[in-house]
């Protein structure tokens, strides 16, 4: 959730962890991370890059458009149904790998070089 992302960002800042990027498991968590960073004066992407996963509509329209991973949701659904049908026929489902696409937006940049 956004709240869990905010909590994680607060913890990272409290621990004074050294990092140049944060990759989250979904876009909502990334938005929570961004919210805390921006409210605390951490510049995105100049100080830290943030990337999400899922490409929800809000990701593109957030204060800093979010770099994310777009999943082939329709193909994932078809593959799931095909696997279920194979199981119902008593067959072993085929293992598949579906390509995802990284959508690069303004929340990521190469890390800054130390002075």
N, C-alpha and C. Protein backbone atom coordinates (compact mmCIF):
# COMPACT_ATOMS: atom_id res chain seq x y z
N UNK A 1 0.84 -1.19 0.00
CA UNK A 1 0.00 0.00 0.00
C UNK A 1 0.88 1.25 0.00
N UNK A 2 0.27 2.36 -0.26
CA UNK A 2 0.99 3.64 -0.20
C UNK A 2 1.55 3.84 1.21
N UNK A 3 0.75 3.50 2.22
CA UNK A 3 1.18 3.68 3.61
C UNK A 3 2.40 2.82 3.93
N UNK A 4 2.43 1.59 3.42
CA UNK A 4 3.59 0.72 3.66
C UNK A 4 4.84 1.26 2.97
N UNK A 5 4.67 1.83 1.80
CA UNK A 5 5.80 2.46 1.12
C UNK A 5 6.32 3.65 1.91
N UNK A 6 5.40 4.43 2.46
CA UNK A 6 5.80 5.59 3.28
C UNK A 6 6.56 5.12 4.52
N UNK A 7 6.08 4.07 5.16
CA UNK A 7 6.76 3.54 6.35
C UNK A 7 8.16 3.05 6.00
N UNK A 8 8.29 2.35 4.88
CA UNK A 8 9.60 1.86 4.47
C UNK A 8 10.56 3.02 4.20
N UNK A 9 10.07 4.07 3.55
CA UNK A 9 10.91 5.23 3.28
C UNK A 9 11.34 5.92 4.57
N UNK A 10 10.40 6.04 5.50
CA UNK A 10 10.75 6.64 6.81
C UNK A 10 11.84 5.83 7.49
N UNK A 11 11.73 4.51 7.42
CA UNK A 11 12.74 3.65 8.04
C UNK A 11 14.09 3.79 7.35
N UNK A 12 14.09 3.85 6.01
CA UNK A 12 15.35 4.03 5.28
C UNK A 12 16.03 5.33 5.68
N UNK A 13 15.25 6.39 5.78
CA UNK A 13 15.81 7.68 6.15
C UNK A 13 16.28 7.69 7.60
N UNK A 14 15.53 7.06 8.49
CA UNK A 14 15.92 7.01 9.91
C UNK A 14 17.21 6.22 10.11
N UNK A 15 17.39 5.17 9.31
CA UNK A 15 18.60 4.35 9.41
C UNK A 15 19.80 4.99 8.73
N UNK A 16 19.55 6.11 8.06
CA UNK A 16 20.60 6.81 7.31
C UNK A 16 21.32 5.86 6.35
N UNK A 17 20.52 5.00 5.72
CA UNK A 17 21.05 4.04 4.76
C UNK A 17 21.62 4.77 3.55
N UNK A 18 22.67 4.22 2.97
CA UNK A 18 23.26 4.79 1.76
C UNK A 18 22.67 4.05 0.56
N UNK A 19 21.98 4.77 -0.30
CA UNK A 19 21.36 4.15 -1.46
C UNK A 19 21.21 5.19 -2.56
N UNK A 20 21.15 4.71 -3.78
CA UNK A 20 20.94 5.60 -4.93
C UNK A 20 19.62 5.30 -5.64
N UNK A 21 18.99 4.15 -5.30
CA UNK A 21 17.76 3.78 -5.97
C UNK A 21 16.92 2.89 -5.07
N UNK A 22 15.61 2.91 -5.32
CA UNK A 22 14.66 2.04 -4.64
C UNK A 22 13.79 1.40 -5.70
N UNK A 23 13.75 0.06 -5.70
CA UNK A 23 12.86 -0.71 -6.58
C UNK A 23 11.82 -1.36 -5.68
N UNK A 24 10.56 -1.10 -5.96
CA UNK A 24 9.50 -1.63 -5.11
C UNK A 24 8.74 -2.74 -5.83
N UNK A 25 7.94 -3.49 -5.06
CA UNK A 25 7.19 -4.62 -5.63
C UNK A 25 5.92 -4.19 -6.35
N UNK A 26 5.48 -2.95 -6.13
CA UNK A 26 4.34 -2.43 -6.88
C UNK A 26 4.37 -0.91 -6.88
N UNK A 27 3.56 -0.33 -7.74
CA UNK A 27 3.55 1.12 -7.91
C UNK A 27 3.02 1.87 -6.70
N UNK A 28 2.07 1.28 -5.97
CA UNK A 28 1.53 1.96 -4.79
C UNK A 28 2.61 2.15 -3.73
N UNK A 29 3.42 1.14 -3.51
CA UNK A 29 4.52 1.27 -2.55
C UNK A 29 5.50 2.34 -3.03
N UNK A 30 5.80 2.35 -4.32
CA UNK A 30 6.71 3.37 -4.86
C UNK A 30 6.16 4.77 -4.65
N UNK A 31 4.86 4.94 -4.81
CA UNK A 31 4.25 6.26 -4.60
C UNK A 31 4.38 6.68 -3.14
N UNK A 32 4.20 5.75 -2.21
CA UNK A 32 4.39 6.05 -0.79
C UNK A 32 5.83 6.44 -0.49
N UNK A 33 6.78 5.73 -1.10
CA UNK A 33 8.20 6.06 -0.93
C UNK A 33 8.47 7.46 -1.46
N UNK A 34 7.98 7.75 -2.66
CA UNK A 34 8.19 9.07 -3.27
C UNK A 34 7.60 10.17 -2.40
N UNK A 35 6.41 9.94 -1.90
CA UNK A 35 5.75 10.98 -1.08
C UNK A 35 6.63 11.37 0.10
N UNK A 36 7.14 10.39 0.82
CA UNK A 36 7.99 10.69 1.98
C UNK A 36 9.28 11.36 1.54
N UNK A 37 9.93 10.83 0.52
CA UNK A 37 11.17 11.43 0.06
C UNK A 37 10.95 12.89 -0.34
N UNK A 38 9.95 13.15 -1.14
CA UNK A 38 9.69 14.52 -1.59
C UNK A 38 9.35 15.44 -0.42
N UNK A 39 8.54 14.95 0.51
CA UNK A 39 8.18 15.76 1.69
C UNK A 39 9.39 16.05 2.57
N UNK A 40 10.41 15.19 2.53
CA UNK A 40 11.61 15.37 3.34
C UNK A 40 12.74 16.06 2.58
N UNK A 41 12.45 16.52 1.36
CA UNK A 41 13.46 17.26 0.59
C UNK A 41 14.40 16.38 -0.22
N UNK A 42 14.12 15.09 -0.31
CA UNK A 42 14.94 14.22 -1.15
C UNK A 42 14.45 14.39 -2.58
N UNK A 43 15.35 14.77 -3.46
CA UNK A 43 14.98 15.03 -4.85
C UNK A 43 14.96 13.73 -5.66
N UNK A 44 13.89 13.56 -6.42
CA UNK A 44 13.75 12.39 -7.28
C UNK A 44 13.79 12.90 -8.71
N UNK A 45 14.69 12.46 -9.56
CA UNK A 45 15.68 11.41 -9.40
C UNK A 45 17.09 11.91 -9.08
N UNK A 46 17.26 13.21 -8.83
CA UNK A 46 18.60 13.75 -8.63
C UNK A 46 19.32 13.10 -7.45
N UNK A 47 18.62 12.86 -6.34
CA UNK A 47 19.23 12.26 -5.16
C UNK A 47 19.03 10.74 -5.12
N UNK A 48 17.87 10.30 -5.54
CA UNK A 48 17.56 8.86 -5.52
C UNK A 48 16.53 8.56 -6.61
N UNK A 49 16.74 7.44 -7.30
CA UNK A 49 15.79 6.97 -8.29
C UNK A 49 14.77 6.06 -7.60
N UNK A 50 13.54 6.08 -8.09
CA UNK A 50 12.49 5.22 -7.55
C UNK A 50 11.77 4.56 -8.72
N UNK A 51 11.58 3.25 -8.62
CA UNK A 51 10.86 2.51 -9.66
C UNK A 51 9.84 1.59 -9.02
N UNK A 52 8.72 1.44 -9.69
CA UNK A 52 7.65 0.58 -9.21
C UNK A 52 7.48 -0.63 -10.10
N UNK A 53 6.32 -1.26 -9.97
CA UNK A 53 6.01 -2.45 -10.76
C UNK A 53 4.51 -2.52 -10.94
N UNK A 54 4.06 -2.61 -12.18
CA UNK A 54 2.64 -2.78 -12.43
C UNK A 54 2.05 -1.78 -13.41
N UNK A 55 2.64 -0.62 -13.52
CA UNK A 55 2.19 0.44 -14.43
C UNK A 55 0.71 0.81 -14.24
N UNK A 56 0.34 1.11 -13.00
CA UNK A 56 -1.02 1.59 -12.74
C UNK A 56 -1.15 3.00 -13.30
N UNK A 57 -2.37 3.43 -13.55
CA UNK A 57 -2.61 4.74 -14.16
C UNK A 57 -1.96 5.87 -13.36
N UNK A 58 -2.02 5.79 -12.05
CA UNK A 58 -1.46 6.83 -11.20
C UNK A 58 0.04 6.98 -11.40
N UNK A 59 0.74 5.91 -11.77
CA UNK A 59 2.19 5.95 -11.92
C UNK A 59 2.62 7.01 -12.92
N UNK A 60 1.91 7.09 -14.02
CA UNK A 60 2.27 8.06 -15.06
C UNK A 60 1.90 9.48 -14.66
N UNK A 61 0.92 9.62 -13.78
CA UNK A 61 0.39 10.94 -13.44
C UNK A 61 0.76 11.41 -12.04
N UNK A 62 1.70 10.73 -11.39
CA UNK A 62 2.12 11.13 -10.06
C UNK A 62 2.98 12.39 -10.15
N UNK A 63 3.25 13.02 -9.00
CA UNK A 63 4.04 14.26 -8.96
C UNK A 63 5.33 14.14 -9.76
N UNK A 64 6.00 13.02 -9.62
CA UNK A 64 7.15 12.68 -10.45
C UNK A 64 6.72 11.42 -11.21
N UNK A 65 6.50 11.51 -12.52
CA UNK A 65 6.07 10.32 -13.25
C UNK A 65 7.00 9.14 -12.98
N UNK A 66 6.40 8.02 -12.61
CA UNK A 66 7.11 6.89 -12.03
C UNK A 66 7.59 5.90 -13.09
N UNK A 67 8.88 5.58 -13.05
CA UNK A 67 9.41 4.48 -13.84
C UNK A 67 8.81 3.20 -13.26
N UNK A 68 8.40 2.28 -14.13
CA UNK A 68 7.71 1.09 -13.67
C UNK A 68 7.91 -0.05 -14.66
N UNK A 69 7.43 -1.20 -14.28
CA UNK A 69 7.46 -2.37 -15.16
C UNK A 69 6.02 -2.69 -15.56
N UNK A 70 5.79 -2.74 -16.86
CA UNK A 70 4.47 -3.08 -17.37
C UNK A 70 4.43 -4.58 -17.65
N UNK A 71 3.45 -5.24 -17.06
CA UNK A 71 3.26 -6.67 -17.27
C UNK A 71 2.26 -6.88 -18.41
N UNK A 72 2.41 -7.97 -19.15
CA UNK A 72 1.43 -8.28 -20.19
C UNK A 72 0.20 -8.93 -19.56
N UNK A 73 -0.64 -8.12 -18.94
CA UNK A 73 -1.74 -8.65 -18.13
C UNK A 73 -2.70 -9.54 -18.92
N UNK A 74 -3.03 -9.17 -20.13
CA UNK A 74 -3.93 -10.00 -20.92
C UNK A 74 -3.30 -11.36 -21.21
N UNK A 75 -2.03 -11.36 -21.62
CA UNK A 75 -1.33 -12.63 -21.89
C UNK A 75 -1.15 -13.44 -20.62
N UNK A 76 -0.94 -12.78 -19.47
CA UNK A 76 -0.85 -13.50 -18.20
C UNK A 76 -2.16 -14.22 -17.90
N UNK A 77 -3.26 -13.53 -18.13
CA UNK A 77 -4.57 -14.13 -17.90
C UNK A 77 -4.82 -15.32 -18.80
N UNK A 78 -4.48 -15.18 -20.09
CA UNK A 78 -4.64 -16.29 -21.02
C UNK A 78 -3.78 -17.49 -20.61
N UNK A 79 -2.56 -17.23 -20.22
CA UNK A 79 -1.66 -18.31 -19.81
C UNK A 79 -2.20 -19.01 -18.56
N UNK A 80 -2.77 -18.24 -17.64
CA UNK A 80 -3.34 -18.83 -16.42
C UNK A 80 -4.52 -19.74 -16.76
N UNK A 81 -5.39 -19.29 -17.66
CA UNK A 81 -6.54 -20.10 -18.06
C UNK A 81 -6.07 -21.37 -18.77
N UNK A 82 -5.10 -21.25 -19.67
CA UNK A 82 -4.57 -22.42 -20.37
C UNK A 82 -3.96 -23.42 -19.39
N UNK A 83 -3.26 -22.93 -18.38
CA UNK A 83 -2.68 -23.81 -17.36
C UNK A 83 -3.77 -24.50 -16.56
N UNK A 84 -4.80 -23.77 -16.21
CA UNK A 84 -5.90 -24.36 -15.45
C UNK A 84 -6.61 -25.44 -16.27
N UNK A 85 -6.83 -25.17 -17.55
CA UNK A 85 -7.47 -26.16 -18.41
C UNK A 85 -6.61 -27.42 -18.54
N UNK A 86 -5.29 -27.25 -18.64
CA UNK A 86 -4.40 -28.40 -18.70
C UNK A 86 -4.51 -29.21 -17.41
N UNK A 87 -4.54 -28.56 -16.28
CA UNK A 87 -4.69 -29.26 -14.99
C UNK A 87 -6.00 -30.03 -14.94
N UNK A 88 -7.08 -29.41 -15.42
CA UNK A 88 -8.38 -30.07 -15.42
C UNK A 88 -8.40 -31.30 -16.32
N UNK A 89 -7.55 -31.28 -17.37
CA UNK A 89 -7.44 -32.44 -18.26
C UNK A 89 -6.49 -33.49 -17.69
N UNK A 90 -5.91 -33.21 -16.53
CA UNK A 90 -4.96 -34.15 -15.92
C UNK A 90 -3.56 -34.02 -16.48
N UNK A 91 -3.28 -32.95 -17.19
CA UNK A 91 -1.97 -32.73 -17.79
C UNK A 91 -1.13 -31.80 -16.92
N UNK A 92 0.14 -31.86 -17.14
CA UNK A 92 1.05 -30.92 -16.46
C UNK A 92 1.13 -29.64 -17.30
N UNK A 93 0.83 -28.47 -16.69
CA UNK A 93 0.88 -27.22 -17.46
C UNK A 93 2.30 -26.90 -17.92
N UNK A 94 2.37 -26.26 -19.06
CA UNK A 94 3.65 -25.83 -19.62
C UNK A 94 4.17 -24.63 -18.83
N UNK A 95 5.46 -24.64 -18.53
CA UNK A 95 6.08 -23.48 -17.89
C UNK A 95 6.30 -22.41 -18.96
N UNK A 96 5.93 -21.18 -18.63
CA UNK A 96 6.06 -20.09 -19.60
C UNK A 96 6.76 -18.90 -18.97
N UNK A 97 7.41 -18.15 -19.82
CA UNK A 97 8.02 -16.89 -19.41
C UNK A 97 7.48 -15.82 -20.34
N UNK A 98 6.82 -14.84 -19.76
CA UNK A 98 6.27 -13.74 -20.56
C UNK A 98 7.11 -12.49 -20.34
N UNK A 99 7.44 -11.83 -21.42
CA UNK A 99 8.26 -10.63 -21.32
C UNK A 99 7.48 -9.48 -20.70
N UNK A 100 8.16 -8.73 -19.88
CA UNK A 100 7.62 -7.49 -19.33
C UNK A 100 8.39 -6.34 -19.96
N UNK A 101 7.89 -5.13 -19.77
CA UNK A 101 8.52 -3.96 -20.38
C UNK A 101 8.79 -2.91 -19.31
N UNK A 102 10.01 -2.41 -19.27
CA UNK A 102 10.35 -1.32 -18.36
C UNK A 102 9.92 -0.01 -19.03
N UNK A 103 9.09 0.75 -18.33
CA UNK A 103 8.63 2.05 -18.81
C UNK A 103 9.43 3.11 -18.04
N UNK A 104 10.37 3.73 -18.71
CA UNK A 104 11.24 4.72 -18.06
C UNK A 104 10.56 6.08 -18.10
N UNK A 105 10.38 6.64 -16.91
CA UNK A 105 9.80 7.98 -16.79
C UNK A 105 10.76 8.84 -15.96
N UNK A 106 10.28 9.92 -15.40
CA UNK A 106 11.15 10.90 -14.75
C UNK A 106 11.61 10.55 -13.34
N UNK A 107 11.25 9.40 -12.79
CA UNK A 107 11.66 9.08 -11.42
C UNK A 107 12.99 8.35 -11.34
N UNK A 108 13.63 8.13 -12.48
CA UNK A 108 14.93 7.45 -12.46
C UNK A 108 15.94 8.19 -13.30
N UNK A 109 17.20 8.07 -12.88
CA UNK A 109 18.33 8.68 -13.60
C UNK A 109 19.59 7.95 -13.16
N UNK A 110 20.66 8.08 -13.92
CA UNK A 110 21.93 7.50 -13.46
C UNK A 110 22.31 8.11 -12.11
N UNK A 111 22.96 7.34 -11.23
CA UNK A 111 23.34 7.90 -9.93
C UNK A 111 24.31 9.06 -10.09
N UNK A 112 24.17 10.04 -9.20
CA UNK A 112 25.06 11.20 -9.21
C UNK A 112 26.48 10.74 -8.82
N UNK A 113 27.45 11.36 -9.43
CA UNK A 113 28.84 11.03 -9.07
C UNK A 113 29.20 11.77 -7.79
N UNK A 114 29.94 11.08 -6.90
CA UNK A 114 30.39 11.78 -5.67
C UNK A 114 31.28 12.96 -5.99
N UNK A 115 31.20 13.99 -5.18
CA UNK A 115 32.00 15.21 -5.41
C UNK A 115 33.45 14.98 -5.09
